[in-house]
Amino acid sequence: MKAVIKAIIGGSVIIGVGLIIFIIALALNGWKFMPQFDTEHFTAEGEIFELKIDNAVGSVKTEFYDGDKIIVDYPVSNRYSASVEEKEGVLTVNGLKKMHWYSFSFLTNNLPSTVVKIPQGTVLKLDATVNAGSVKLAAGEYTDVRIKVNAGSLTAYGVLCNDFKGEVNAGSISVQSLESASLDCKVSAGSFNANRVSCPLVRVNVSAGSANLKVEGNRDEYTILVDKSAGSCNVTSQTGTDPEKKIDIDVSAGSVNVSFV
């Protein structure tokens, strides 16, 4: 009985402290659950060869448009900040980040998006990091693509590139279609999902979580190497008929599923 009473008292204290912190944070945010945002506009001055995206809160979207300069529309407020920097042909877009420890929004899904508008026909190197929130990439052509998701999600609606590397530490990467000379994906946790994969060289490393690939072509064409410590993989090692097509799979735990379409 005494233990139950102590637990109740301890829980009440924790709830009370949490409520005090919440009230203090709400007061510091002007007693408003949602911040007021303005939109800033950035236009690249020089020629851009590489686009870097780093997102922590909210969402970043890319789109292609009829124009000759990369334009970034990004939200700013007294609670969150975003920024854009152009240096030596590299455009760095930092999505929303909290300005203070007490900055918050009641519905983070309603935060306005940072929108990167890319001229049609522009081919960039892409480097994207997602620490939280989401990044959505319009279908387009790139030189090389590097994606790292620590939390949150990244969705690519179509990628044509020389080399694609994806790393998921938590959260997810989803690619609707991919045409590349090589695909290298590493999953520590979370998931990597790719449809309509047209890549002669595919490497998959899953420590935990899952990787699901739909590969274009006949399964018999591919040499498949599977090294599985634990977890599951729906394909086994084989020698293919096409010496230029190879799928290399390493599973420590979790699952890998490869289908051919």
C-alpha atoms as a PDB file:
ATOM      1  CA  MET A   1       0.000   0.000   0.000  1.00  0.00           C
ATOM      2  CA  LYS A   2       2.780   2.407   0.895  1.00  0.00           C
ATOM      3  CA  ALA A   3       4.522   1.616  -2.402  1.00  0.00           C
ATOM      4  CA  VAL A   4       1.339   2.490  -4.317  1.00  0.00           C
ATOM      5  CA  ILE A   5       0.992   5.799  -2.471  1.00  0.00           C
ATOM      6  CA  LYS A   6       4.645   6.657  -3.158  1.00  0.00           C
ATOM      7  CA  ALA A   7       4.161   5.848  -6.851  1.00  0.00           C
ATOM      8  CA  ILE A   8       1.089   8.083  -7.013  1.00  0.00           C
ATOM      9  CA  ILE A   9       2.941  10.930  -5.281  1.00  0.00           C
ATOM     10  CA  GLY A  10       5.960  10.502  -7.556  1.00  0.00           C
ATOM     11  CA  GLY A  11       3.769  10.491 -10.654  1.00  0.00           C
ATOM     12  CA  SER A  12       1.925  13.582  -9.509  1.00  0.00           C
ATOM     13  CA  VAL A  13       5.216  15.422  -8.960  1.00  0.00           C
ATOM     14  CA  ILE A  14       6.394  14.513 -12.469  1.00  0.00           C
ATOM     15  CA  ILE A  15       3.093  15.624 -13.987  1.00  0.00           C
ATOM     16  CA  GLY A  16       3.247  18.851 -11.979  1.00  0.00           C
ATOM     17  CA  VAL A  17       6.790  19.654 -13.130  1.00  0.00           C
ATOM     18  CA  GLY A  18       5.832  18.908 -16.716  1.00  0.00           C
ATOM     19  CA  LEU A  19       2.805  21.165 -16.487  1.00  0.00           C
ATOM     20  CA  ILE A  20       4.923  23.999 -15.070  1.00  0.00           C
ATOM     21  CA  ILE A  21       7.440  23.664 -17.909  1.00  0.00           C
ATOM     22  CA  PHE A  22       4.586  23.625 -20.456  1.00  0.00           C
ATOM     23  CA  ILE A  23       3.055  26.797 -18.974  1.00  0.00           C
ATOM     24  CA  ILE A  24       6.441  28.552 -18.987  1.00  0.00           C
ATOM     25  CA  ALA A  25       7.034  27.549 -22.627  1.00  0.00           C
ATOM     26  CA  LEU A  26       3.538  28.676 -23.615  1.00  0.00           C
ATOM     27  CA  ALA A  27       4.082  32.026 -21.896  1.00  0.00           C
ATOM     28  CA  LEU A  28       7.425  32.518 -23.665  1.00  0.00           C
ATOM     29  CA  ASN A  29       5.612  31.809 -26.958  1.00  0.00           C
ATOM     30  CA  GLY A  30       3.148  34.601 -26.311  1.00  0.00           C
ATOM     31  CA  TRP A  31       0.376  32.249 -25.147  1.00  0.00           C
ATOM     32  CA  LYS A  32      -0.065  31.055 -28.737  1.00  0.00           C
ATOM     33  CA  PHE A  33       0.036  27.446 -29.873  1.00  0.00           C
ATOM     34  CA  MET A  34       0.885  28.306 -33.494  1.00  0.00           C
ATOM     35  CA  PRO A  35       3.503  30.864 -34.609  1.00  0.00           C
ATOM     36  CA  GLN A  36       2.896  33.455 -37.301  1.00  0.00           C
ATOM     37  CA  PHE A  37       5.014  32.937 -40.406  1.00  0.00           C
ATOM     38  CA  ASP A  38       6.290  35.234 -43.127  1.00  0.00           C
ATOM     39  CA  THR A  39       7.759  34.040 -46.417  1.00  0.00           C
ATOM     40  CA  GLU A  40      11.243  35.013 -47.550  1.00  0.00           C
ATOM     41  CA  HIS A  41      12.378  34.660 -51.165  1.00  0.00           C
ATOM     42  CA  PHE A  42      15.903  33.779 -52.302  1.00  0.00           C
ATOM     43  CA  THR A  43      17.132  33.823 -55.897  1.00  0.00           C
ATOM     44  CA  ALA A  44      20.480  32.246 -56.774  1.00  0.00           C
ATOM     45  CA  GLU A  45      22.852  34.698 -58.417  1.00  0.00           C
ATOM     46  CA  GLY A  46      25.430  32.376 -60.002  1.00  0.00           C
ATOM     47  CA  GLU A  47      25.404  28.968 -61.653  1.00  0.00           C
ATOM     48  CA  ILE A  48      24.564  26.197 -59.195  1.00  0.00           C
ATOM     49  CA  PHE A  49      26.133  22.750 -59.516  1.00  0.00           C
ATOM     50  CA  GLU A  50      25.113  21.178 -56.202  1.00  0.00           C
ATOM     51  CA  LEU A  51      22.017  21.381 -54.026  1.00  0.00           C
ATOM     52  CA  LYS A  52      22.302  20.572 -50.309  1.00  0.00           C
ATOM     53  CA  ILE A  53      19.192  20.146 -48.199  1.00  0.00           C
ATOM     54  CA  ASP A  54      19.216  19.850 -44.401  1.00  0.00           C
ATOM     55  CA  ASN A  55      15.853  19.558 -42.683  1.00  0.00           C
ATOM     56  CA  ALA A  56      14.990  19.339 -38.999  1.00  0.00           C
ATOM     57  CA  VAL A  57      11.330  20.412 -38.697  1.00  0.00           C
ATOM     58  CA  GLY A  58       8.440  20.704 -41.126  1.00  0.00           C
ATOM     59  CA  SER A  59       9.017  19.930 -44.808  1.00  0.00           C
ATOM     60  CA  VAL A  60      11.174  20.828 -47.783  1.00  0.00           C
ATOM     61  CA  LYS A  61       9.911  20.307 -51.327  1.00  0.00           C
ATOM     62  CA  THR A  62      11.570  20.628 -54.722  1.00  0.00           C
ATOM     63  CA  GLU A  63       9.832  21.354 -57.990  1.00  0.00           C
ATOM     64  CA  PHE A  64      10.899  22.132 -61.546  1.00  0.00           C
ATOM     65  CA  TYR A  65       9.606  25.256 -63.269  1.00  0.00           C
ATOM     66  CA  ASP A  66      10.056  27.329 -66.429  1.00  0.00           C
ATOM     67  CA  GLY A  67      12.728  29.815 -65.414  1.00  0.00           C
ATOM     68  CA  ASP A  68      16.478  30.397 -65.452  1.00  0.00           C
ATOM     69  CA  LYS A  69      17.347  30.766 -61.742  1.00  0.00           C
ATOM     70  CA  ILE A  70      16.903  28.576 -58.696  1.00  0.00           C
ATOM     71  CA  ILE A  71      14.398  30.195 -56.350  1.00  0.00           C
ATOM     72  CA  VAL A  72      13.792  29.248 -52.731  1.00  0.00           C
ATOM     73  CA  ASP A  73      10.662  30.309 -50.849  1.00  0.00           C
ATOM     74  CA  TYR A  74      11.091  29.639 -47.148  1.00  0.00           C
ATOM     75  CA  PRO A  75       9.089  30.481 -43.999  1.00  0.00           C
ATOM     76  CA  VAL A  76      10.419  32.409 -41.006  1.00  0.00           C
ATOM     77  CA  SER A  77       8.943  33.283 -37.620  1.00  0.00           C
ATOM     78  CA  ASN A  78       9.996  34.234 -34.110  1.00  0.00           C
ATOM     79  CA  ARG A  79      10.037  30.539 -33.124  1.00  0.00           C
ATOM     80  CA  TYR A  80      11.540  28.847 -36.170  1.00  0.00           C
ATOM     81  CA  SER A  81      14.191  29.872 -38.643  1.00  0.00           C
ATOM     82  CA  ALA A  82      15.210  28.667 -42.088  1.00  0.00           C
ATOM     83  CA  SER A  83      18.125  29.805 -44.204  1.00  0.00           C
ATOM     84  CA  VAL A  84      19.625  29.634 -47.685  1.00  0.00           C
ATOM     85  CA  GLU A  85      23.286  30.074 -48.593  1.00  0.00           C
ATOM     86  CA  GLU A  86      24.981  30.226 -51.982  1.00  0.00           C
ATOM     87  CA  LYS A  87      28.733  29.636 -52.128  1.00  0.00           C
ATOM     88  CA  GLU A  88      31.010  28.529 -54.973  1.00  0.00           C
ATOM     89  CA  GLY A  89      28.279  26.836 -56.962  1.00  0.00           C
ATOM     90  CA  VAL A  90      26.732  25.077 -53.946  1.00  0.00           C
ATOM     91  CA  LEU A  91      23.264  26.066 -52.753  1.00  0.00           C
ATOM     92  CA  THR A  92      22.548  25.017 -49.165  1.00  0.00           C
ATOM     93  CA  VAL A  93      18.947  25.030 -48.004  1.00  0.00           C
ATOM     94  CA  ASN A  94      18.353  24.628 -44.279  1.00  0.00           C
ATOM     95  CA  GLY A  95      14.750  23.866 -43.438  1.00  0.00           C
ATOM     96  CA  LEU A  96      12.978  25.049 -40.330  1.00  0.00           C
ATOM     97  CA  LYS A  97      14.786  24.728 -37.006  1.00  0.00           C
ATOM     98  CA  LYS A  98      13.754  25.738 -33.513  1.00  0.00           C
ATOM     99  CA  MET A  99      15.251  29.054 -32.453  1.00  0.00           C
ATOM    100  CA  HIS A 100      14.836  28.390 -28.702  1.00  0.00           C
ATOM    101  CA  TRP A 101      14.325  25.384 -26.458  1.00  0.00           C
ATOM    102  CA  TYR A 102      10.805  26.540 -25.693  1.00  0.00           C
ATOM    103  CA  SER A 103       9.779  27.021 -29.327  1.00  0.00           C
ATOM    104  CA  PHE A 104       6.918  24.735 -30.260  1.00  0.00           C
ATOM    105  CA  SER A 105       3.822  24.395 -32.419  1.00  0.00           C
ATOM    106  CA  PHE A 106       0.675  22.549 -31.512  1.00  0.00           C
ATOM    107  CA  LEU A 107       0.412  20.905 -34.948  1.00  0.00           C
ATOM    108  CA  THR A 108       3.859  20.534 -36.563  1.00  0.00           C
ATOM    109  CA  ASN A 109       2.266  18.988 -39.674  1.00  0.00           C
ATOM    110  CA  ASN A 110       0.734  22.394 -40.400  1.00  0.00           C
ATOM    111  CA  LEU A 111       4.060  24.210 -40.558  1.00  0.00           C
ATOM    112  CA  PRO A 112       4.576  25.849 -43.968  1.00  0.00           C
ATOM    113  CA  SER A 113       6.984  24.187 -46.404  1.00  0.00           C
ATOM    114  CA  THR A 114      10.282  25.395 -47.795  1.00  0.00           C
ATOM    115  CA  VAL A 115       9.982  25.182 -51.585  1.00  0.00           C
ATOM    116  CA  VAL A 116      13.016  24.924 -53.886  1.00  0.00           C
ATOM    117  CA  LYS A 117      12.159  25.826 -57.485  1.00  0.00           C
ATOM    118  CA  ILE A 118      14.642  24.459 -60.033  1.00  0.00           C
ATOM    119  CA  PRO A 119      14.712  25.496 -63.707  1.00  0.00           C
ATOM    120  CA  GLN A 120      13.613  22.768 -66.107  1.00  0.00           C
ATOM    121  CA  GLY A 121      16.563  20.926 -67.630  1.00  0.00           C
ATOM    122  CA  THR A 122      18.942  21.739 -64.758  1.00  0.00           C
ATOM    123  CA  VAL A 123      21.021  18.730 -63.645  1.00  0.00           C
ATOM    124  CA  LEU A 124      22.445  19.063 -60.133  1.00  0.00           C
ATOM    125  CA  LYS A 125      24.339  16.986 -57.638  1.00  0.00           C
ATOM    126  CA  LEU A 126      21.990  16.381 -54.709  1.00  0.00           C
ATOM    127  CA  ASP A 127      22.927  15.929 -51.054  1.00  0.00           C
ATOM    128  CA  ALA A 128      19.986  15.693 -48.623  1.00  0.00           C
ATOM    129  CA  THR A 129      19.946  15.108 -44.858  1.00  0.00           C
ATOM    130  CA  VAL A 130      16.709  14.649 -42.928  1.00  0.00           C
ATOM    131  CA  ASN A 131      16.922  14.830 -39.138  1.00  0.00           C
ATOM    132  CA  ALA A 132      13.150  15.135 -38.695  1.00  0.00           C
ATOM    133  CA  GLY A 133      10.154  16.231 -40.723  1.00  0.00           C
ATOM    134  CA  SER A 134      10.022  15.393 -44.412  1.00  0.00           C
ATOM    135  CA  VAL A 135      11.686  16.074 -47.749  1.00  0.00           C
ATOM    136  CA  LYS A 136       9.881  15.540 -51.061  1.00  0.00           C
ATOM    137  CA  LEU A 137      11.853  15.523 -54.299  1.00  0.00           C
ATOM    138  CA  ALA A 138      10.168  16.146 -57.629  1.00  0.00           C
ATOM    139  CA  ALA A 139      10.943  13.717 -60.447  1.00  0.00           C
ATOM    140  CA  GLY A 140      14.100  14.847 -62.207  1.00  0.00           C
ATOM    141  CA  GLU A 141      17.644  14.180 -63.382  1.00  0.00           C
ATOM    142  CA  TYR A 142      20.715  14.569 -61.167  1.00  0.00           C
ATOM    143  CA  THR A 143      24.401  13.807 -61.470  1.00  0.00           C
ATOM    144  CA  ASP A 144      24.859  11.983 -58.148  1.00  0.00           C
ATOM    145  CA  VAL A 145      22.412  11.604 -55.249  1.00  0.00           C
ATOM    146  CA  ARG A 146      23.363  11.257 -51.571  1.00  0.00           C
ATOM    147  CA  ILE A 147      20.552  10.896 -49.038  1.00  0.00           C
ATOM    148  CA  LYS A 148      20.784  10.413 -45.272  1.00  0.00           C
ATOM    149  CA  VAL A 149      17.697  10.076 -43.078  1.00  0.00           C
ATOM    150  CA  ASN A 150      18.263  10.138 -39.325  1.00  0.00           C
ATOM    151  CA  ALA A 151      14.551  10.527 -38.569  1.00  0.00           C
ATOM    152  CA  GLY A 152      11.501  11.591 -40.529  1.00  0.00           C
ATOM    153  CA  SER A 153      11.068  10.702 -44.184  1.00  0.00           C
ATOM    154  CA  LEU A 154      12.269  11.416 -47.694  1.00  0.00           C
ATOM    155  CA  THR A 155      10.186  10.700 -50.787  1.00  0.00           C
ATOM    156  CA  ALA A 156      11.636  10.881 -54.303  1.00  0.00           C
ATOM    157  CA  TYR A 157       9.056  10.761 -57.079  1.00  0.00           C
ATOM    158  CA  GLY A 158      11.550   9.800 -59.771  1.00  0.00           C
ATOM    159  CA  VAL A 159      15.338   9.868 -59.984  1.00  0.00           C
ATOM    160  CA  LEU A 160      17.627   9.624 -63.006  1.00  0.00           C
ATOM    161  CA  CYS A 161      21.297   9.827 -61.965  1.00  0.00           C
ATOM    162  CA  ASN A 162      24.788   8.341 -62.282  1.00  0.00           C
ATOM    163  CA  ASP A 163      25.019   7.046 -58.715  1.00  0.00           C
ATOM    164  CA  PHE A 164      22.480   6.815 -55.871  1.00  0.00           C
ATOM    165  CA  LYS A 165      23.406   6.315 -52.217  1.00  0.00           C
ATOM    166  CA  GLY A 166      20.816   6.158 -49.442  1.00  0.00           C
ATOM    167  CA  GLU A 167      21.387   5.750 -45.707  1.00  0.00           C
ATOM    168  CA  VAL A 168      18.569   5.276 -43.191  1.00  0.00           C
ATOM    169  CA  ASN A 169      19.362   5.442 -39.476  1.00  0.00           C
ATOM    170  CA  ALA A 170      15.671   5.805 -38.573  1.00  0.00           C
ATOM    171  CA  GLY A 171      12.618   6.894 -40.503  1.00  0.00           C
ATOM    172  CA  SER A 172      12.251   6.054 -44.179  1.00  0.00           C
ATOM    173  CA  ILE A 173      13.375   6.620 -47.755  1.00  0.00           C
ATOM    174  CA  SER A 174      10.856   5.976 -50.513  1.00  0.00           C
ATOM    175  CA  VAL A 175      11.758   6.149 -54.208  1.00  0.00           C
ATOM    176  CA  GLN A 176       8.991   5.734 -56.762  1.00  0.00           C
ATOM    177  CA  SER A 177      11.341   5.120 -59.680  1.00  0.00           C
ATOM    178  CA  LEU A 178      15.124   5.008 -60.007  1.00  0.00           C
ATOM    179  CA  GLU A 179      17.349   4.771 -63.055  1.00  0.00           C
ATOM    180  CA  SER A 180      21.031   4.798 -62.170  1.00  0.00           C
ATOM    181  CA  ALA A 181      24.337   3.081 -62.880  1.00  0.00           C
ATOM    182  CA  SER A 182      24.414   1.963 -59.249  1.00  0.00           C
ATOM    183  CA  LEU A 183      22.302   1.876 -56.111  1.00  0.00           C
ATOM    184  CA  ASP A 184      23.861   1.607 -52.665  1.00  0.00           C
ATOM    185  CA  CYS A 185      21.484   1.555 -49.701  1.00  0.00           C
ATOM    186  CA  LYS A 186      22.279   1.068 -46.026  1.00  0.00           C
ATOM    187  CA  VAL A 187      19.598   0.619 -43.382  1.00  0.00           C
ATOM    188  CA  SER A 188      20.483   0.730 -39.681  1.00  0.00           C
ATOM    189  CA  ALA A 189      16.816   1.061 -38.687  1.00  0.00           C
ATOM    190  CA  GLY A 190      13.668   2.183 -40.440  1.00  0.00           C
ATOM    191  CA  SER A 191      13.004   1.347 -44.083  1.00  0.00           C
ATOM    192  CA  PHE A 192      14.211   1.823 -47.635  1.00  0.00           C
ATOM    193  CA  ASN A 193      11.620   1.243 -50.369  1.00  0.00           C
ATOM    194  CA  ALA A 194      12.223   1.604 -54.098  1.00  0.00           C
ATOM    195  CA  ASN A 195       9.929   0.798 -57.020  1.00  0.00           C
ATOM    196  CA  ARG A 196      10.893   0.411 -60.667  1.00  0.00           C
ATOM    197  CA  VAL A 197      14.626   0.142 -59.996  1.00  0.00           C
ATOM    198  CA  SER A 198      16.714   0.086 -63.163  1.00  0.00           C
ATOM    199  CA  CYS A 199      20.294  -0.330 -61.907  1.00  0.00           C
ATOM    200  CA  PRO A 200      22.848  -2.896 -63.111  1.00  0.00           C
ATOM    201  CA  LEU A 201      24.684  -2.750 -59.778  1.00  0.00           C
ATOM    202  CA  VAL A 202      22.718  -2.895 -56.518  1.00  0.00           C
ATOM    203  CA  ARG A 203      24.174  -3.072 -53.001  1.00  0.00           C
ATOM    204  CA  VAL A 204      21.937  -3.541 -49.954  1.00  0.00           C
ATOM    205  CA  ASN A 205      23.152  -3.567 -46.344  1.00  0.00           C
ATOM    206  CA  VAL A 206      20.553  -3.984 -43.585  1.00  0.00           C
ATOM    207  CA  SER A 207      21.570  -4.003 -39.921  1.00  0.00           C
ATOM    208  CA  ALA A 208      17.955  -3.689 -38.764  1.00  0.00           C
ATOM    209  CA  GLY A 209      14.751  -2.492 -40.328  1.00  0.00           C
ATOM    210  CA  SER A 210      13.851  -3.358 -43.899  1.00  0.00           C
ATOM    211  CA  ALA A 211      14.706  -2.844 -47.557  1.00  0.00           C
ATOM    212  CA  ASN A 212      12.163  -3.537 -50.292  1.00  0.00           C
ATOM    213  CA  LEU A 213      13.187  -3.271 -53.941  1.00  0.00           C
ATOM    214  CA  LYS A 214      11.261  -3.866 -57.156  1.00  0.00           C
ATOM    215  CA  VAL A 215      13.941  -4.404 -59.802  1.00  0.00           C
ATOM    216  CA  GLU A 216      13.197  -4.107 -63.501  1.00  0.00           C
ATOM    217  CA  GLY A 217      14.362  -7.065 -65.567  1.00  0.00           C
ATOM    218  CA  ASN A 218      14.493 -10.833 -65.436  1.00  0.00           C
ATOM    219  CA  ARG A 219      15.778 -12.408 -62.227  1.00  0.00           C
ATOM    220  CA  ASP A 220      17.892 -14.883 -64.208  1.00  0.00           C
ATOM    221  CA  GLU A 221      19.965 -11.999 -65.599  1.00  0.00           C
ATOM    222  CA  TYR A 222      21.326 -10.996 -62.184  1.00  0.00           C
ATOM    223  CA  THR A 223      24.162 -12.492 -60.202  1.00  0.00           C
ATOM    224  CA  ILE A 224      22.916 -12.390 -56.617  1.00  0.00           C
ATOM    225  CA  LEU A 225      25.154 -12.632 -53.555  1.00  0.00           C
ATOM    226  CA  VAL A 226      23.434 -13.006 -50.172  1.00  0.00           C
ATOM    227  CA  ASP A 227      25.240 -12.863 -46.820  1.00  0.00           C
ATOM    228  CA  LYS A 228      22.670 -13.308 -44.040  1.00  0.00           C
ATOM    229  CA  SER A 229      23.491 -13.439 -40.318  1.00  0.00           C
ATOM    230  CA  ALA A 230      19.925 -13.118 -39.053  1.00  0.00           C
ATOM    231  CA  GLY A 231      16.621 -11.742 -40.233  1.00  0.00           C
ATOM    232  CA  SER A 232      15.216 -12.680 -43.616  1.00  0.00           C
ATOM    233  CA  CYS A 233      15.852 -12.365 -47.333  1.00  0.00           C
ATOM    234  CA  ASN A 234      13.504 -13.672 -50.011  1.00  0.00           C
ATOM    235  CA  VAL A 235      16.233 -14.324 -52.607  1.00  0.00           C
ATOM    236  CA  THR A 236      19.247 -16.631 -52.533  1.00  0.00           C
ATOM    237  CA  SER A 237      22.670 -16.500 -54.148  1.00  0.00           C
ATOM    238  CA  GLN A 238      22.838 -17.342 -57.846  1.00  0.00           C
ATOM    239  CA  THR A 239      24.918 -16.750 -60.970  1.00  0.00           C
ATOM    240  CA  GLY A 240      23.194 -14.644 -63.605  1.00  0.00           C
ATOM    241  CA  THR A 241      23.320 -14.659 -67.390  1.00  0.00           C
ATOM    242  CA  ASP A 242      24.383 -10.995 -67.687  1.00  0.00           C
ATOM    243  CA  PRO A 243      27.891 -10.353 -66.247  1.00  0.00           C
ATOM    244  CA  GLU A 244      27.133  -6.623 -65.857  1.00  0.00           C
ATOM    245  CA  LYS A 245      24.139  -7.105 -63.549  1.00  0.00           C
ATOM    246  CA  LYS A 246      24.736  -7.812 -59.873  1.00  0.00           C
ATOM    247  CA  ILE A 247      22.828  -7.583 -56.588  1.00  0.00           C
ATOM    248  CA  ASP A 248      24.903  -7.769 -53.402  1.00  0.00           C
ATOM    249  CA  ILE A 249      22.908  -8.225 -50.176  1.00  0.00           C
ATOM    250  CA  ASP A 250      24.173  -8.198 -46.574  1.00  0.00           C
ATOM    251  CA  VAL A 251      21.612  -8.778 -43.801  1.00  0.00           C
ATOM    252  CA  SER A 252      22.606  -8.649 -40.144  1.00  0.00           C
ATOM    253  CA  ALA A 253      19.007  -8.416 -38.904  1.00  0.00           C
ATOM    254  CA  GLY A 254      15.727  -7.145 -40.260  1.00  0.00           C
ATOM    255  CA  SER A 255      14.572  -8.052 -43.753  1.00  0.00           C
ATOM    256  CA  VAL A 256      15.353  -7.648 -47.447  1.00  0.00           C
ATOM    257  CA  ASN A 257      12.765  -8.284 -50.105  1.00  0.00           C
ATOM    258  CA  VAL A 258      13.667  -8.141 -53.811  1.00  0.00           C
ATOM    259  CA  SER A 259      11.119  -8.681 -56.548  1.00  0.00           C
ATOM    260  CA  PHE A 260      11.553  -8.487 -60.327  1.00  0.00           C
ATOM    261  CA  VAL A 261       9.087  -6.706 -62.589  1.00  0.00           C
END
